[in-house]
N, C-alpha and C. Protein backbone atom coordinates (compact mmCIF):
# COMPACT_ATOMS: atom_id res chain seq x y z
N MET A 1 -8.42 0.10 -9.95
CA MET A 1 -8.79 1.50 -10.06
C MET A 1 -8.48 1.92 -11.49
N SER A 2 -9.48 2.26 -12.24
CA SER A 2 -9.27 2.73 -13.61
C SER A 2 -9.13 4.25 -13.60
N ARG A 3 -8.79 4.78 -14.74
CA ARG A 3 -8.64 6.24 -14.86
C ARG A 3 -9.92 6.96 -14.44
N ARG A 4 -11.08 6.35 -14.72
CA ARG A 4 -12.35 6.97 -14.35
C ARG A 4 -12.57 6.95 -12.85
N ASP A 5 -11.90 6.03 -12.15
CA ASP A 5 -12.09 5.87 -10.71
C ASP A 5 -11.11 6.69 -9.87
N ILE A 6 -10.28 7.51 -10.51
CA ILE A 6 -9.29 8.28 -9.76
C ILE A 6 -10.02 9.24 -8.84
N PRO A 7 -9.74 9.13 -7.55
CA PRO A 7 -10.45 9.99 -6.59
C PRO A 7 -10.01 11.44 -6.70
N ASP A 8 -10.93 12.33 -6.33
CA ASP A 8 -10.60 13.75 -6.29
C ASP A 8 -9.82 14.05 -5.02
N ILE A 9 -8.64 14.57 -5.20
CA ILE A 9 -7.81 15.01 -4.08
C ILE A 9 -7.80 16.53 -4.15
N PRO A 10 -8.23 17.22 -3.09
CA PRO A 10 -8.20 18.68 -3.12
C PRO A 10 -6.80 19.21 -3.44
N PRO A 11 -6.71 20.33 -4.18
CA PRO A 11 -5.40 20.86 -4.59
C PRO A 11 -4.42 21.08 -3.43
N ASP A 12 -4.89 21.55 -2.28
CA ASP A 12 -3.97 21.78 -1.17
C ASP A 12 -3.40 20.46 -0.64
N LEU A 13 -4.21 19.40 -0.61
CA LEU A 13 -3.71 18.10 -0.19
C LEU A 13 -2.78 17.49 -1.24
N TYR A 14 -3.10 17.72 -2.50
CA TYR A 14 -2.24 17.25 -3.58
C TYR A 14 -0.84 17.85 -3.41
N GLU A 15 -0.80 19.15 -3.15
CA GLU A 15 0.47 19.83 -2.94
C GLU A 15 1.20 19.27 -1.71
N THR A 16 0.46 19.02 -0.65
CA THR A 16 1.05 18.46 0.57
C THR A 16 1.65 17.09 0.29
N LEU A 17 0.95 16.27 -0.48
CA LEU A 17 1.41 14.91 -0.76
C LEU A 17 2.64 14.88 -1.66
N THR A 18 2.83 15.91 -2.46
CA THR A 18 3.91 15.88 -3.45
C THR A 18 5.09 16.79 -3.11
N ALA A 19 4.98 17.62 -2.08
CA ALA A 19 6.06 18.55 -1.73
C ALA A 19 7.14 17.83 -0.91
N PRO A 20 8.40 18.08 -1.22
CA PRO A 20 9.48 17.36 -0.53
C PRO A 20 9.59 17.68 0.96
N GLU A 21 9.24 18.87 1.36
CA GLU A 21 9.44 19.26 2.77
C GLU A 21 8.26 18.86 3.66
N ASN A 22 7.26 18.21 3.10
CA ASN A 22 6.04 17.95 3.86
C ASN A 22 5.80 16.47 4.16
N THR A 23 6.83 15.70 4.42
CA THR A 23 6.63 14.28 4.67
C THR A 23 5.68 14.05 5.83
N ALA A 24 5.87 14.74 6.95
CA ALA A 24 5.00 14.54 8.12
C ALA A 24 3.56 14.94 7.79
N LYS A 25 3.39 16.05 7.07
CA LYS A 25 2.04 16.48 6.70
C LYS A 25 1.41 15.52 5.69
N ALA A 26 2.21 14.98 4.80
CA ALA A 26 1.69 14.01 3.83
C ALA A 26 1.20 12.76 4.54
N ILE A 27 1.96 12.31 5.52
CA ILE A 27 1.54 11.14 6.30
C ILE A 27 0.23 11.44 7.03
N GLU A 28 0.11 12.65 7.59
CA GLU A 28 -1.14 13.05 8.26
C GLU A 28 -2.31 13.05 7.29
N ALA A 29 -2.09 13.53 6.06
CA ALA A 29 -3.16 13.57 5.06
C ALA A 29 -3.60 12.15 4.70
N MET A 30 -2.64 11.25 4.51
CA MET A 30 -2.99 9.88 4.19
C MET A 30 -3.75 9.24 5.35
N GLU A 31 -3.30 9.52 6.56
CA GLU A 31 -3.96 8.99 7.76
C GLU A 31 -5.42 9.47 7.82
N ALA A 32 -5.65 10.73 7.46
CA ALA A 32 -7.01 11.29 7.48
C ALA A 32 -7.93 10.52 6.54
N PHE A 33 -7.43 10.11 5.37
CA PHE A 33 -8.26 9.34 4.44
C PHE A 33 -8.68 8.01 5.07
N LEU A 34 -7.77 7.39 5.79
CA LEU A 34 -8.12 6.12 6.43
C LEU A 34 -9.11 6.32 7.57
N ILE A 35 -8.90 7.38 8.34
CA ILE A 35 -9.81 7.66 9.44
C ILE A 35 -11.22 7.90 8.90
N GLN A 36 -11.31 8.54 7.71
CA GLN A 36 -12.60 8.78 7.07
C GLN A 36 -13.15 7.50 6.42
N GLY A 37 -12.33 6.45 6.38
CA GLY A 37 -12.77 5.19 5.79
C GLY A 37 -12.67 5.17 4.28
N ASP A 38 -11.92 6.08 3.68
CA ASP A 38 -11.79 6.13 2.22
C ASP A 38 -10.50 5.46 1.78
N GLU A 39 -10.55 4.14 1.64
CA GLU A 39 -9.36 3.37 1.29
C GLU A 39 -8.87 3.70 -0.11
N GLN A 40 -9.78 3.96 -1.02
CA GLN A 40 -9.38 4.29 -2.40
C GLN A 40 -8.57 5.58 -2.43
N LYS A 41 -9.02 6.61 -1.71
CA LYS A 41 -8.27 7.87 -1.66
C LYS A 41 -6.93 7.65 -0.97
N PHE A 42 -6.91 6.82 0.08
CA PHE A 42 -5.65 6.54 0.77
C PHE A 42 -4.65 5.91 -0.20
N GLU A 43 -5.08 4.88 -0.90
CA GLU A 43 -4.20 4.18 -1.83
C GLU A 43 -3.69 5.13 -2.91
N TYR A 44 -4.57 5.98 -3.43
CA TYR A 44 -4.19 6.94 -4.44
C TYR A 44 -3.22 7.98 -3.86
N ALA A 45 -3.46 8.40 -2.63
CA ALA A 45 -2.56 9.36 -1.97
C ALA A 45 -1.18 8.76 -1.80
N VAL A 46 -1.11 7.48 -1.44
CA VAL A 46 0.19 6.80 -1.34
C VAL A 46 0.88 6.81 -2.70
N ALA A 47 0.13 6.49 -3.75
CA ALA A 47 0.71 6.49 -5.10
C ALA A 47 1.25 7.86 -5.47
N LEU A 48 0.50 8.93 -5.16
CA LEU A 48 0.98 10.29 -5.44
C LEU A 48 2.26 10.60 -4.66
N TYR A 49 2.24 10.26 -3.38
CA TYR A 49 3.40 10.50 -2.52
C TYR A 49 4.64 9.77 -3.04
N VAL A 50 4.46 8.52 -3.41
CA VAL A 50 5.59 7.72 -3.90
C VAL A 50 6.08 8.24 -5.25
N ALA A 51 5.15 8.57 -6.14
CA ALA A 51 5.55 9.08 -7.46
C ALA A 51 6.34 10.38 -7.32
N ALA A 52 5.89 11.26 -6.42
CA ALA A 52 6.61 12.52 -6.21
C ALA A 52 7.98 12.26 -5.61
N ALA A 53 8.07 11.31 -4.69
CA ALA A 53 9.37 10.96 -4.10
C ALA A 53 10.31 10.38 -5.15
N ARG A 54 9.76 9.56 -6.03
CA ARG A 54 10.58 9.01 -7.13
C ARG A 54 11.10 10.13 -8.01
N HIS A 55 10.22 11.08 -8.31
CA HIS A 55 10.62 12.21 -9.15
C HIS A 55 11.76 13.01 -8.49
N ARG A 56 11.71 13.11 -7.16
CA ARG A 56 12.76 13.82 -6.42
C ARG A 56 13.99 12.96 -6.19
N LYS A 57 13.91 11.70 -6.64
CA LYS A 57 14.99 10.72 -6.50
C LYS A 57 15.28 10.37 -5.04
N GLU A 58 14.23 10.36 -4.22
CA GLU A 58 14.36 9.91 -2.84
C GLU A 58 14.49 8.39 -2.85
N PRO A 59 15.30 7.85 -1.96
CA PRO A 59 15.41 6.38 -1.90
C PRO A 59 14.08 5.75 -1.49
N ILE A 60 13.70 4.69 -2.17
CA ILE A 60 12.43 4.02 -1.88
C ILE A 60 12.41 3.50 -0.44
N GLU A 61 13.58 3.19 0.11
CA GLU A 61 13.64 2.71 1.49
C GLU A 61 13.13 3.77 2.46
N ARG A 62 13.45 5.02 2.21
CA ARG A 62 12.98 6.11 3.07
C ARG A 62 11.47 6.27 2.95
N VAL A 63 10.98 6.20 1.73
CA VAL A 63 9.54 6.35 1.49
C VAL A 63 8.78 5.19 2.12
N THR A 64 9.25 3.98 1.89
CA THR A 64 8.59 2.79 2.45
C THR A 64 8.65 2.83 3.97
N GLY A 65 9.78 3.25 4.53
CA GLY A 65 9.91 3.36 5.98
C GLY A 65 8.90 4.32 6.57
N ALA A 66 8.71 5.46 5.92
CA ALA A 66 7.73 6.44 6.41
C ALA A 66 6.32 5.86 6.36
N LEU A 67 6.00 5.15 5.28
CA LEU A 67 4.67 4.58 5.15
C LEU A 67 4.45 3.43 6.13
N CYS A 68 5.49 2.66 6.41
CA CYS A 68 5.36 1.59 7.40
C CYS A 68 5.19 2.17 8.81
N MET A 69 5.84 3.30 9.07
CA MET A 69 5.63 3.97 10.36
C MET A 69 4.17 4.40 10.49
N LEU A 70 3.60 4.88 9.41
CA LEU A 70 2.18 5.25 9.41
C LEU A 70 1.33 4.04 9.74
N ALA A 71 1.65 2.90 9.14
CA ALA A 71 0.89 1.68 9.41
C ALA A 71 0.99 1.30 10.88
N GLU A 72 2.17 1.39 11.44
CA GLU A 72 2.35 1.05 12.85
C GLU A 72 1.64 2.06 13.75
N ASN A 73 1.64 3.33 13.37
CA ASN A 73 0.94 4.35 14.16
C ASN A 73 -0.55 4.04 14.24
N LEU A 74 -1.11 3.56 13.14
CA LEU A 74 -2.55 3.32 13.10
C LEU A 74 -2.95 1.94 13.61
N GLN A 75 -2.11 0.94 13.37
CA GLN A 75 -2.52 -0.42 13.71
C GLN A 75 -1.60 -1.09 14.73
N GLY A 76 -0.60 -0.37 15.18
CA GLY A 76 0.28 -0.94 16.19
C GLY A 76 1.33 -1.85 15.59
N PRO A 77 2.38 -2.08 16.35
CA PRO A 77 3.45 -2.95 15.84
C PRO A 77 2.97 -4.40 15.76
N ARG A 78 3.40 -5.07 14.75
CA ARG A 78 3.06 -6.48 14.55
C ARG A 78 4.37 -7.26 14.41
N ARG A 79 5.24 -7.10 15.40
CA ARG A 79 6.57 -7.70 15.30
C ARG A 79 6.88 -8.55 16.52
N ALA A 80 7.73 -9.50 16.27
CA ALA A 80 8.33 -10.29 17.34
C ALA A 80 9.80 -10.43 16.96
N ALA A 81 10.68 -9.97 17.82
CA ALA A 81 12.13 -10.03 17.56
C ALA A 81 12.47 -9.40 16.21
N GLU A 82 11.93 -8.20 15.96
CA GLU A 82 12.18 -7.43 14.74
C GLU A 82 11.76 -8.15 13.46
N ARG A 83 10.84 -9.08 13.57
CA ARG A 83 10.32 -9.78 12.40
C ARG A 83 8.83 -9.48 12.27
N LEU A 84 8.42 -9.06 11.10
CA LEU A 84 7.02 -8.75 10.86
C LEU A 84 6.20 -10.04 10.96
N LEU A 85 5.19 -10.04 11.84
CA LEU A 85 4.41 -11.26 12.04
C LEU A 85 3.45 -11.51 10.88
N HIS A 86 2.67 -10.51 10.51
CA HIS A 86 1.78 -10.64 9.37
C HIS A 86 1.39 -9.26 8.88
N LEU A 87 1.11 -9.20 7.60
CA LEU A 87 0.73 -7.92 7.02
C LEU A 87 -0.70 -7.57 7.44
N THR A 88 -0.90 -6.29 7.67
CA THR A 88 -2.23 -5.80 8.00
C THR A 88 -2.87 -5.25 6.73
N GLN A 89 -4.14 -4.91 6.81
CA GLN A 89 -4.81 -4.30 5.67
C GLN A 89 -4.12 -2.99 5.31
N MET A 90 -3.64 -2.29 6.32
CA MET A 90 -2.92 -1.03 6.09
C MET A 90 -1.68 -1.26 5.24
N HIS A 91 -0.93 -2.32 5.55
CA HIS A 91 0.24 -2.63 4.75
C HIS A 91 -0.16 -2.95 3.31
N GLU A 92 -1.23 -3.72 3.15
CA GLU A 92 -1.69 -4.07 1.81
C GLU A 92 -2.04 -2.82 1.01
N LEU A 93 -2.77 -1.90 1.61
CA LEU A 93 -3.13 -0.66 0.92
C LEU A 93 -1.89 0.17 0.59
N THR A 94 -0.96 0.21 1.54
CA THR A 94 0.27 0.98 1.33
C THR A 94 1.06 0.41 0.17
N PHE A 95 1.28 -0.89 0.18
CA PHE A 95 2.07 -1.49 -0.89
C PHE A 95 1.34 -1.44 -2.23
N ASN A 96 0.01 -1.52 -2.22
CA ASN A 96 -0.73 -1.33 -3.47
C ASN A 96 -0.47 0.07 -4.02
N GLY A 97 -0.47 1.07 -3.14
CA GLY A 97 -0.18 2.44 -3.58
C GLY A 97 1.21 2.58 -4.15
N ILE A 98 2.19 1.94 -3.49
CA ILE A 98 3.58 1.97 -3.99
C ILE A 98 3.65 1.31 -5.36
N LEU A 99 3.03 0.15 -5.49
CA LEU A 99 3.06 -0.55 -6.77
C LEU A 99 2.35 0.25 -7.87
N ARG A 100 1.25 0.93 -7.51
CA ARG A 100 0.56 1.77 -8.50
C ARG A 100 1.49 2.88 -8.99
N ALA A 101 2.28 3.45 -8.09
CA ALA A 101 3.19 4.53 -8.47
C ALA A 101 4.28 4.01 -9.42
N PHE A 102 4.75 2.79 -9.20
CA PHE A 102 5.83 2.25 -10.01
C PHE A 102 5.35 1.56 -11.29
N TYR A 103 4.25 0.80 -11.19
CA TYR A 103 3.85 -0.05 -12.30
C TYR A 103 2.50 0.27 -12.91
N GLY A 104 1.73 1.14 -12.27
CA GLY A 104 0.44 1.53 -12.82
C GLY A 104 -0.71 0.69 -12.29
N ASP A 105 -1.91 1.19 -12.55
CA ASP A 105 -3.13 0.56 -12.05
C ASP A 105 -3.35 -0.84 -12.60
N VAL A 106 -3.05 -1.05 -13.88
CA VAL A 106 -3.33 -2.34 -14.51
C VAL A 106 -2.58 -3.46 -13.82
N ALA A 107 -1.31 -3.25 -13.52
CA ALA A 107 -0.50 -4.29 -12.87
C ALA A 107 -1.04 -4.62 -11.49
N VAL A 108 -1.41 -3.62 -10.72
CA VAL A 108 -1.93 -3.85 -9.37
C VAL A 108 -3.28 -4.55 -9.43
N ASP A 109 -4.15 -4.08 -10.29
CA ASP A 109 -5.48 -4.70 -10.40
C ASP A 109 -5.35 -6.16 -10.86
N ARG A 110 -4.41 -6.44 -11.75
CA ARG A 110 -4.18 -7.81 -12.21
C ARG A 110 -3.69 -8.68 -11.05
N ALA A 111 -2.79 -8.13 -10.23
CA ALA A 111 -2.26 -8.88 -9.08
C ALA A 111 -3.36 -9.14 -8.05
N ILE A 112 -4.22 -8.17 -7.83
CA ILE A 112 -5.33 -8.35 -6.88
C ILE A 112 -6.25 -9.47 -7.39
N GLY A 113 -6.51 -9.48 -8.69
CA GLY A 113 -7.34 -10.54 -9.28
C GLY A 113 -6.70 -11.91 -9.13
N ALA A 114 -5.39 -11.98 -9.37
CA ALA A 114 -4.68 -13.25 -9.23
C ALA A 114 -4.70 -13.73 -7.79
N SER A 115 -4.53 -12.81 -6.85
CA SER A 115 -4.57 -13.17 -5.43
C SER A 115 -5.95 -13.71 -5.05
N SER A 116 -6.99 -13.07 -5.54
CA SER A 116 -8.35 -13.53 -5.27
C SER A 116 -8.56 -14.92 -5.84
N GLN A 117 -8.03 -15.17 -7.02
CA GLN A 117 -8.17 -16.50 -7.64
C GLN A 117 -7.42 -17.55 -6.82
N ARG A 118 -6.22 -17.23 -6.33
CA ARG A 118 -5.47 -18.18 -5.50
C ARG A 118 -6.25 -18.51 -4.23
N LYS A 119 -6.87 -17.48 -3.63
CA LYS A 119 -7.67 -17.73 -2.43
C LYS A 119 -8.86 -18.63 -2.75
N ALA A 120 -9.49 -18.41 -3.89
CA ALA A 120 -10.64 -19.22 -4.29
C ALA A 120 -10.22 -20.67 -4.55
N ASP A 121 -9.01 -20.86 -5.06
CA ASP A 121 -8.52 -22.21 -5.37
C ASP A 121 -7.93 -22.93 -4.17
N ALA A 122 -7.69 -22.22 -3.07
CA ALA A 122 -6.98 -22.79 -1.92
C ALA A 122 -7.65 -24.05 -1.38
N SER A 123 -8.96 -24.04 -1.23
CA SER A 123 -9.63 -25.21 -0.66
C SER A 123 -9.47 -26.44 -1.55
N GLN A 124 -9.45 -26.24 -2.85
CA GLN A 124 -9.24 -27.36 -3.78
C GLN A 124 -7.84 -27.95 -3.60
N HIS A 125 -6.84 -27.08 -3.45
CA HIS A 125 -5.47 -27.55 -3.26
C HIS A 125 -5.31 -28.29 -1.94
N ILE A 126 -5.93 -27.77 -0.91
CA ILE A 126 -5.85 -28.42 0.40
C ILE A 126 -6.50 -29.80 0.32
N LYS A 127 -7.66 -29.86 -0.29
CA LYS A 127 -8.41 -31.11 -0.40
C LYS A 127 -7.65 -32.16 -1.22
N SER A 128 -7.03 -31.73 -2.32
CA SER A 128 -6.34 -32.67 -3.21
C SER A 128 -4.88 -32.89 -2.83
N GLY A 129 -4.37 -32.11 -1.87
CA GLY A 129 -2.98 -32.27 -1.44
C GLY A 129 -1.96 -31.67 -2.40
N THR A 130 -2.40 -30.75 -3.24
CA THR A 130 -1.49 -30.14 -4.23
C THR A 130 -1.00 -28.76 -3.80
N TRP A 131 -1.27 -28.39 -2.57
CA TRP A 131 -0.85 -27.08 -2.08
C TRP A 131 0.67 -27.07 -1.94
N PRO A 132 1.36 -26.05 -2.47
CA PRO A 132 2.83 -26.01 -2.37
C PRO A 132 3.26 -25.90 -0.90
N LYS A 133 4.33 -26.58 -0.59
CA LYS A 133 4.88 -26.55 0.77
C LYS A 133 5.79 -25.34 0.91
N ARG A 134 5.82 -24.76 2.12
CA ARG A 134 6.73 -23.64 2.39
C ARG A 134 8.16 -24.15 2.41
N PRO A 135 9.09 -23.34 1.90
CA PRO A 135 10.49 -23.76 1.93
C PRO A 135 11.00 -23.79 3.37
N ALA A 136 11.92 -24.68 3.64
CA ALA A 136 12.52 -24.78 4.97
C ALA A 136 13.36 -23.55 5.24
N VAL A 137 13.29 -23.04 6.45
CA VAL A 137 14.02 -21.83 6.80
C VAL A 137 15.39 -22.15 7.30
């Protein structure tokens, strides 16, 4: 997402996303973007919410917890014995928004590109046997 691609967030929603007393309303606003199918606005809304929380010096654990609750509300729990089974698209969008708030668009876009390249290279690694093994737990 470049500066030219920044979605328009109506002023009242902007205020809702950045006000300290409106966590529940901010979560509802972000949820509405997903229901409308606007992933870009959702990711940007997460970034606004996180940046405002950082400015207020809220612990990132509280912010991440609220956003993970939103993910579970929309996509259901993906846990077995309190262990996350796999990330959903919702989690990916949420964490992209968090990373955008902390590190900016360039870092996130670069990471997305690197991830895409790893996926493209995966079949070559599997075929040649050079795929890294998972560490023993």
